[in-house]
């Protein structure tokens, strides 16, 4: 629940919040859940989870497998998602650039934006020659302290938004993850100065990533492009700059010039 959105005098509808908690439990790594698993994952009362699942099933958003006694999301949610306009134009615009960058590094490319004090992967492309499998799907959220793309987003959001993010505890995914607020603020300054972020082993050990900002024609920050691959596949020039930086920055400039 995002407590930042709470409004004095406007009561929340707890049943709706609990239903959303259940829907958010489903993910690409585990698309089907039993009642007991959902109860444990959400921390809700078993009878409450059963009632909410039954209601979501009536609404057509959840389906029950009688044979396996599991629940899964339905395609009705896809239809609902298709009505979300925010970001769709950006996804359409970014897709050819993401494909180009994924092929460039034989890895995975991502499009990141800021939303609700975190990063959202709007889209991603996996190169056919990639040695790694996708670990973040479009629509997934990520903390902004780890990964090149999310850290670029953190660096270029407003000071107030960055302060809001840094007030919260940061996740430590690996021993190399930055979790100290002062260190992240300092790193954001470095990113803005050099215009990119390159980081290794902080999101997943063995993987490195390179991220660059996207600016509109009038200079507004629109999001970030990033690529990831095995750490040892990133070639650095004599100054320690990734050789893929120049084509990434060019892609960001070309994309940004088309954003209206």
Protein backbone atom coordinates (compact mmCIF):
# COMPACT_ATOMS: atom_id res chain seq x y z
CA UNK A 1 0.00 0.00 0.00
CA UNK A 2 1.27 3.46 -0.87
CA UNK A 3 0.67 5.51 2.29
CA UNK A 4 1.84 8.64 0.46
CA UNK A 5 -1.52 8.66 -1.36
CA UNK A 6 -3.69 8.55 1.75
CA UNK A 7 -6.07 11.52 2.02
CA UNK A 8 -7.47 12.82 5.33
CA UNK A 9 -11.20 12.25 5.59
CA UNK A 10 -11.31 9.74 2.72
CA UNK A 11 -11.57 6.21 4.13
CA UNK A 12 -9.85 3.34 2.40
CA UNK A 13 -11.77 0.25 1.31
CA UNK A 14 -9.86 -2.55 2.96
CA UNK A 15 -11.40 -5.31 0.88
CA UNK A 16 -10.12 -3.66 -2.30
CA UNK A 17 -6.60 -3.28 -0.87
CA UNK A 18 -6.60 -6.93 0.18
CA UNK A 19 -7.83 -8.04 -3.24
CA UNK A 20 -5.02 -6.06 -4.89
CA UNK A 21 -2.53 -7.68 -2.50
CA UNK A 22 -3.68 -11.07 -3.74
CA UNK A 23 -3.46 -10.04 -7.40
CA UNK A 24 0.06 -8.70 -6.90
CA UNK A 25 1.17 -12.05 -5.45
CA UNK A 26 0.92 -13.67 -8.88
CA UNK A 27 4.06 -13.35 -10.98
CA UNK A 28 5.91 -14.78 -13.95
CA UNK A 29 7.99 -17.08 -11.73
CA UNK A 30 4.86 -18.53 -10.06
CA UNK A 31 1.67 -18.04 -12.07
CA UNK A 32 -0.43 -20.57 -10.12
CA UNK A 33 -1.01 -20.59 -6.35
CA UNK A 34 -2.92 -22.78 -3.94
CA UNK A 35 -5.13 -21.22 -1.29
CA UNK A 36 -2.62 -22.12 1.42
CA UNK A 37 0.26 -20.58 -0.53
CA UNK A 38 -1.61 -17.33 -1.14
CA UNK A 39 -2.59 -17.16 2.51
CA UNK A 40 1.05 -17.52 3.54
CA UNK A 41 2.35 -15.12 0.88
CA UNK A 42 -0.14 -12.34 1.64
CA UNK A 43 -0.31 -12.71 5.41
CA UNK A 44 -4.11 -12.50 5.24
CA UNK A 45 -6.62 -14.68 7.02
CA UNK A 46 -7.35 -17.90 5.10
CA UNK A 47 -11.11 -17.31 5.13
CA UNK A 48 -10.57 -13.76 3.83
CA UNK A 49 -8.32 -15.00 1.02
CA UNK A 50 -10.90 -17.63 0.06
CA UNK A 51 -13.71 -15.06 -0.09
CA UNK A 52 -11.66 -12.59 -2.10
CA UNK A 53 -10.51 -15.27 -4.55
CA UNK A 54 -14.11 -16.37 -5.02
CA UNK A 55 -15.13 -12.76 -5.69
CA UNK A 56 -12.24 -12.22 -8.12
CA UNK A 57 -13.25 -15.44 -9.87
CA UNK A 58 -16.82 -14.15 -10.27
CA UNK A 59 -15.38 -10.89 -11.66
CA UNK A 60 -13.43 -12.90 -14.22
CA UNK A 61 -9.97 -11.82 -13.03
CA UNK A 62 -8.96 -15.11 -11.41
CA UNK A 63 -9.52 -18.69 -12.55
CA UNK A 64 -9.60 -21.81 -10.37
CA UNK A 65 -8.15 -25.12 -11.54
CA UNK A 66 -10.38 -27.75 -9.93
CA UNK A 67 -8.00 -30.60 -10.70
CA UNK A 68 -4.86 -29.00 -9.25
CA UNK A 69 -6.68 -26.84 -6.71
CA UNK A 70 -4.77 -23.72 -7.74
CA UNK A 71 -5.64 -20.19 -8.77
CA UNK A 72 -4.22 -18.13 -11.64
CA UNK A 73 -4.88 -14.79 -13.31
CA UNK A 74 -7.04 -14.61 -16.43
CA UNK A 75 -6.63 -12.80 -19.72
CA UNK A 76 -9.27 -10.31 -18.58
CA UNK A 77 -6.44 -8.55 -16.74
CA UNK A 78 -4.60 -8.19 -20.04
CA UNK A 79 -7.66 -6.51 -21.48
CA UNK A 80 -7.72 -4.13 -18.51
CA UNK A 81 -4.00 -3.41 -18.88
CA UNK A 82 -4.50 -2.55 -22.54
CA UNK A 83 -6.62 0.39 -21.40
CA UNK A 84 -3.67 1.94 -19.58
CA UNK A 85 -2.48 4.74 -21.83
CA UNK A 86 0.45 6.03 -19.78
CA UNK A 87 3.70 4.62 -21.14
CA UNK A 88 2.22 2.83 -24.15
CA UNK A 89 3.41 5.43 -26.65
CA UNK A 90 6.86 5.31 -25.06
CA UNK A 91 6.92 1.53 -25.37
CA UNK A 92 6.01 1.68 -29.06
CA UNK A 93 8.67 4.30 -29.67
CA UNK A 94 11.35 2.44 -27.72
CA UNK A 95 10.88 -1.05 -29.15
CA UNK A 96 13.16 -0.71 -32.24
CA UNK A 97 15.87 0.88 -30.10
CA UNK A 98 15.60 -1.87 -27.51
CA UNK A 99 15.91 -4.50 -30.23
CA UNK A 100 18.94 -2.71 -31.65
CA UNK A 101 20.65 -2.52 -28.25
CA UNK A 102 19.87 -6.12 -27.30
CA UNK A 103 21.45 -7.31 -30.56
CA UNK A 104 24.40 -4.99 -30.01
CA UNK A 105 25.37 -6.63 -26.72
CA UNK A 106 23.85 -10.07 -27.34
CA UNK A 107 22.09 -9.62 -24.04
CA UNK A 108 18.96 -7.95 -22.69
CA UNK A 109 17.83 -4.33 -23.07
CA UNK A 110 15.36 -2.51 -20.83
CA UNK A 111 13.24 0.63 -20.78
CA UNK A 112 12.83 2.15 -17.30
CA UNK A 113 10.62 4.92 -15.94
CA UNK A 114 9.91 6.35 -12.50
CA UNK A 115 6.61 5.63 -10.76
CA UNK A 116 5.52 5.72 -7.12
CA UNK A 117 9.02 6.04 -5.61
CA UNK A 118 10.38 3.14 -7.63
CA UNK A 119 11.41 2.00 -11.08
CA UNK A 120 9.13 0.27 -13.54
CA UNK A 121 10.36 -1.83 -16.45
CA UNK A 122 8.07 -0.68 -19.26
CA UNK A 123 9.57 -3.05 -21.80
CA UNK A 124 12.50 -5.37 -22.44
CA UNK A 125 14.01 -7.25 -25.36
CA UNK A 126 16.11 -10.41 -25.13
CA UNK A 127 18.55 -10.97 -28.00
CA UNK A 128 18.24 -14.31 -29.76
CA UNK A 129 21.96 -14.81 -29.07
CA UNK A 130 21.71 -13.95 -25.36
CA UNK A 131 23.53 -16.21 -22.91
CA UNK A 132 21.28 -15.09 -20.05
CA UNK A 133 17.57 -15.49 -19.51
CA UNK A 134 15.23 -12.62 -18.70
CA UNK A 135 14.91 -11.97 -14.97
CA UNK A 136 12.70 -8.87 -15.15
CA UNK A 137 9.47 -8.73 -17.11
CA UNK A 138 7.62 -5.70 -18.49
CA UNK A 139 5.53 -4.24 -15.71
CA UNK A 140 7.85 -5.41 -12.95
CA UNK A 141 8.91 -2.88 -10.35
CA UNK A 142 12.42 -2.50 -9.00
CA UNK A 143 14.12 -0.60 -6.22
CA UNK A 144 16.29 2.22 -7.50
CA UNK A 145 19.49 1.47 -5.59
CA UNK A 146 20.52 -1.51 -7.74
CA UNK A 147 21.05 -1.90 -11.47
CA UNK A 148 22.22 0.63 -14.03
CA UNK A 149 18.81 1.59 -15.40
CA UNK A 150 17.14 2.07 -12.01
CA UNK A 151 20.13 4.04 -10.71
CA UNK A 152 19.96 6.36 -13.73
CA UNK A 153 16.28 6.93 -12.93
CA UNK A 154 17.20 7.72 -9.32
CA UNK A 155 19.82 10.22 -10.46
CA UNK A 156 17.53 12.20 -12.76
CA UNK A 157 14.23 12.39 -10.88
CA UNK A 158 13.56 15.55 -8.90
CA UNK A 159 15.34 16.17 -5.60
CA UNK A 160 12.06 15.70 -3.73
CA UNK A 161 11.38 12.36 -5.43
CA UNK A 162 14.94 11.16 -4.82
CA UNK A 163 14.73 12.17 -1.16
CA UNK A 164 11.47 10.22 -0.85
CA UNK A 165 13.17 7.12 -2.28
CA UNK A 166 16.25 7.44 -0.09
CA UNK A 167 14.23 7.81 3.11
CA UNK A 168 13.16 4.21 2.74
CA UNK A 169 15.30 1.16 3.62
CA UNK A 170 17.19 -0.08 0.56
CA UNK A 171 17.34 -3.70 -0.54
CA UNK A 172 20.70 -5.48 -0.54
CA UNK A 173 20.53 -7.95 -3.41
CA UNK A 174 24.24 -8.81 -3.36
CA UNK A 175 27.26 -7.77 -1.26
CA UNK A 176 27.91 -5.08 -3.90
CA UNK A 177 24.50 -3.38 -3.61
CA UNK A 178 24.59 0.23 -2.44
CA UNK A 179 22.18 0.69 0.48
CA UNK A 180 23.47 3.80 2.23
CA UNK A 181 21.41 6.90 1.41
CA UNK A 182 24.41 9.25 1.41
CA UNK A 183 26.36 6.94 -0.88
CA UNK A 184 23.43 6.70 -3.27
CA UNK A 185 23.03 10.49 -3.29
CA UNK A 186 26.73 10.85 -4.08
CA UNK A 187 26.48 8.23 -6.81
CA UNK A 188 23.52 10.05 -8.33
CA UNK A 189 25.69 13.15 -8.62
CA UNK A 190 28.40 11.13 -10.40
CA UNK A 191 25.82 9.69 -12.81
CA UNK A 192 24.51 13.14 -13.69
CA UNK A 193 28.06 14.39 -14.23
CA UNK A 194 29.19 11.55 -16.51
CA UNK A 195 25.80 10.94 -18.12
CA UNK A 196 25.61 7.17 -17.59
CA UNK A 197 25.89 4.39 -15.03
CA UNK A 198 27.92 1.20 -15.28
CA UNK A 199 27.63 -1.29 -12.45
CA UNK A 200 28.63 -4.91 -11.96
CA UNK A 201 27.34 -7.65 -9.68
CA UNK A 202 25.06 -5.42 -7.59
CA UNK A 203 21.71 -6.70 -8.89
CA UNK A 204 22.67 -10.29 -9.68
CA UNK A 205 26.15 -11.63 -9.08
CA UNK A 206 27.86 -12.28 -12.40
CA UNK A 207 25.89 -9.70 -14.37
CA UNK A 208 26.82 -6.13 -15.27
CA UNK A 209 24.66 -3.37 -16.69
CA UNK A 210 25.00 -0.06 -18.49
CA UNK A 211 22.32 2.63 -18.33
CA UNK A 212 21.78 6.02 -19.97
CA UNK A 213 19.09 8.70 -19.54
CA UNK A 214 16.52 9.65 -22.17
CA UNK A 215 15.66 13.33 -22.55
CA UNK A 216 12.89 14.88 -24.61
CA UNK A 217 13.56 17.62 -27.14
CA UNK A 218 12.83 20.25 -24.49
CA UNK A 219 15.20 18.66 -21.98
CA UNK A 220 12.74 16.76 -19.78
CA UNK A 221 13.89 13.45 -18.30
CA UNK A 222 11.72 10.72 -19.82
CA UNK A 223 13.30 7.49 -18.58
CA UNK A 224 16.35 5.29 -19.01
CA UNK A 225 17.67 2.68 -21.40
CA UNK A 226 19.86 -0.10 -20.05
CA UNK A 227 21.54 -3.26 -21.25
CA UNK A 228 22.77 -6.21 -19.23
CA UNK A 229 24.99 -9.18 -19.87
CA UNK A 230 27.57 -11.34 -18.15
CA UNK A 231 30.08 -9.10 -16.39
CA UNK A 232 33.04 -10.39 -18.40
CA UNK A 233 31.28 -9.55 -21.68
CA UNK A 234 31.46 -5.80 -21.07
CA UNK A 235 34.57 -4.51 -22.81
CA UNK A 236 36.08 -1.31 -21.37
CA UNK A 237 38.30 1.19 -23.15
CA UNK A 238 41.62 2.35 -21.63
CA UNK A 239 39.74 4.95 -19.56
CA UNK A 240 37.40 2.32 -18.12
CA UNK A 241 34.40 3.42 -20.20
CA UNK A 242 32.22 0.62 -21.66
CA UNK A 243 32.61 0.46 -25.44
CA UNK A 244 28.83 0.09 -25.80
CA UNK A 245 28.25 3.50 -24.21
CA UNK A 246 28.45 5.59 -27.42
CA UNK A 247 25.80 3.59 -29.35
CA UNK A 248 23.58 3.56 -26.27
CA UNK A 249 23.79 7.32 -25.90
CA UNK A 250 23.07 7.73 -29.60
CA UNK A 251 19.99 5.51 -29.27
CA UNK A 252 18.79 7.58 -26.30
CA UNK A 253 19.25 10.82 -28.24
CA UNK A 254 17.43 9.47 -31.29
CA UNK A 255 14.60 8.17 -29.16
CA UNK A 256 14.31 11.34 -27.10
CA UNK A 257 14.12 13.51 -30.20
CA UNK A 258 10.93 11.69 -31.17
CA UNK A 259 9.14 12.11 -27.85
CA UNK A 260 6.53 14.85 -28.04
